[in-house]
Protein backbone atom coordinates (compact mmCIF):
# COMPACT_ATOMS: atom_id res chain seq x y z
CA MET A 1 -59.60 -60.25 111.36
CA ASP A 2 -56.31 -61.55 110.18
CA SER A 3 -56.91 -64.03 107.41
CA THR A 4 -53.27 -65.35 107.41
CA ASN A 5 -53.32 -66.60 110.93
CA ASP A 6 -56.62 -68.60 109.83
CA LEU A 7 -54.71 -70.33 107.10
CA ARG A 8 -51.75 -71.35 109.20
CA SER A 9 -51.52 -74.60 110.80
CA GLU A 10 -49.07 -75.72 113.46
CA ASN A 11 -48.95 -79.08 111.84
CA ALA A 12 -47.97 -77.40 108.51
CA PRO A 13 -44.33 -77.41 107.36
CA ASP A 14 -42.48 -74.15 108.02
CA TRP A 15 -42.35 -73.47 104.24
CA THR A 16 -46.33 -73.46 103.87
CA ASN A 17 -46.66 -70.90 106.81
CA ASP A 18 -44.09 -68.60 105.06
CA LEU A 19 -45.66 -68.94 101.70
CA ILE A 20 -49.24 -68.16 103.24
CA GLU A 21 -47.28 -64.84 104.66
CA HIS A 22 -45.98 -64.11 101.20
CA LEU A 23 -49.16 -64.58 99.60
CA ALA A 24 -50.83 -62.52 102.11
CA ALA A 25 -48.34 -59.61 101.51
CA LEU A 26 -48.63 -59.73 97.82
CA SER A 27 -52.22 -59.75 97.86
CA ALA A 28 -52.12 -56.57 100.01
CA ILE A 29 -49.58 -54.77 97.47
CA LEU A 30 -51.88 -55.61 94.60
CA GLN A 31 -54.90 -54.48 96.33
CA ARG A 32 -53.25 -51.08 97.23
CA TRP A 33 -51.91 -50.69 93.45
CA LEU A 34 -55.56 -51.50 92.07
CA ASP A 35 -57.17 -48.96 94.21
CA ARG A 36 -55.16 -46.11 93.38
CA PRO A 37 -56.08 -43.60 90.46
CA PRO A 38 -54.53 -44.27 86.94
CA GLN A 39 -51.41 -42.07 87.17
CA ASP A 40 -51.75 -40.94 83.48
CA PRO A 41 -54.99 -38.80 83.20
CA ASP A 42 -54.14 -38.24 79.77
CA SER A 43 -53.89 -41.80 78.48
CA LEU A 44 -54.38 -42.60 74.84
CA LEU A 45 -57.71 -44.17 73.67
CA THR A 46 -57.87 -46.67 70.76
CA ALA A 47 -60.16 -45.80 67.84
CA GLU A 48 -62.50 -48.69 69.10
CA GLN A 49 -62.58 -46.92 72.73
CA LEU A 50 -63.26 -43.69 71.13
CA GLY A 51 -65.83 -44.92 68.55
CA GLU A 52 -67.56 -46.36 71.61
CA LEU A 53 -67.65 -43.17 73.47
CA LEU A 54 -68.87 -41.08 70.36
CA GLN A 55 -70.98 -43.94 68.88
CA LEU A 56 -69.09 -43.91 65.50
CA SER A 57 -67.38 -46.36 63.73
CA PRO A 58 -63.69 -47.12 64.57
CA ARG A 59 -62.96 -47.61 60.68
CA THR A 60 -64.64 -44.05 60.28
CA LEU A 61 -62.21 -42.64 62.72
CA LYS A 62 -59.21 -44.42 61.35
CA ASP A 63 -60.07 -43.22 57.86
CA GLN A 64 -60.27 -39.68 58.96
CA ALA A 65 -57.39 -39.50 60.93
CA ALA A 66 -55.38 -40.76 58.22
CA ALA A 67 -57.07 -38.27 55.94
CA GLY A 68 -55.68 -35.59 58.47
CA GLU A 69 -59.16 -34.52 59.26
CA LEU A 70 -59.02 -35.80 62.71
CA PRO A 71 -56.23 -34.78 65.44
CA HIS A 72 -54.61 -38.36 66.49
CA HIS A 73 -51.52 -39.89 67.58
CA ARG A 74 -49.99 -42.56 65.09
CA LEU A 75 -47.79 -45.37 66.62
CA GLY A 76 -46.67 -47.40 63.89
CA LYS A 77 -49.80 -48.78 62.12
CA HIS A 78 -51.99 -47.74 65.25
CA TYR A 79 -54.11 -44.86 65.85
CA ARG A 80 -54.39 -43.42 69.24
CA PHE A 81 -56.59 -40.39 70.61
CA SER A 82 -55.81 -38.29 73.67
CA ARG A 83 -58.10 -36.40 75.71
CA GLY A 84 -56.50 -33.16 74.07
CA ASP A 85 -57.02 -35.07 70.47
CA ILE A 86 -60.84 -35.58 71.56
CA GLN A 87 -61.56 -31.94 72.77
CA LYS A 88 -60.03 -30.65 69.44
CA ILE A 89 -62.37 -32.94 67.44
CA LEU A 90 -65.18 -31.65 69.26
CA LYS A 91 -64.32 -28.05 68.82
CA LEU A 92 -63.67 -28.90 65.23
CA THR A 93 -67.34 -30.44 64.79
CA GLN A 94 -68.78 -27.18 66.75
CA GLU A 95 -66.83 -24.78 64.28
CA ALA A 96 -68.03 -26.93 61.15
CA HIS A 97 -71.52 -27.29 62.15
CA GLY A 98 -72.45 -24.64 65.00
CA PRO A 99 -73.06 -25.92 68.84
CA ASP A 100 -76.76 -26.42 68.14
CA SER A 101 -76.73 -27.60 64.32
CA LYS A 102 -78.89 -30.72 63.58
CA ARG A 103 -78.12 -32.90 60.48
CA ILE A 104 -80.79 -32.13 57.79
CA PRO A 105 -81.75 -35.56 55.96
CA ALA A 106 -80.53 -35.72 52.21
CA ARG A 107 -83.02 -34.69 49.49
CA ARG A 108 -84.64 -37.36 47.66
CA SER A 109 -84.30 -36.89 44.00
CA LYS A 110 -87.41 -37.26 42.14
CA SER A 111 -87.30 -39.81 39.29
CA GLY A 112 -89.52 -39.17 36.42
């Protein structure tokens, strides 16, 4: 079904039919553009995006990146993380705590 033909009218001015054709062509181009996969699979994530993935506070990620504890890219005042950075972060975590380690709760001091 050609929706462009459905919108045309013999009584419409020529410019209207031209506009409909151009809009249909533009719509097809935009749809093809939207359907394609991202060109850069190694795009950079913000601290907020990475925080959502890792279930961490973006502020914690930014603080640790600023302290040099996490690999990152700095663009002006903005922190960005590549897939490579994320792999390094996960590797650092495994090296520091072991692959199957669990966090031990802090001991409570006895008052008295």
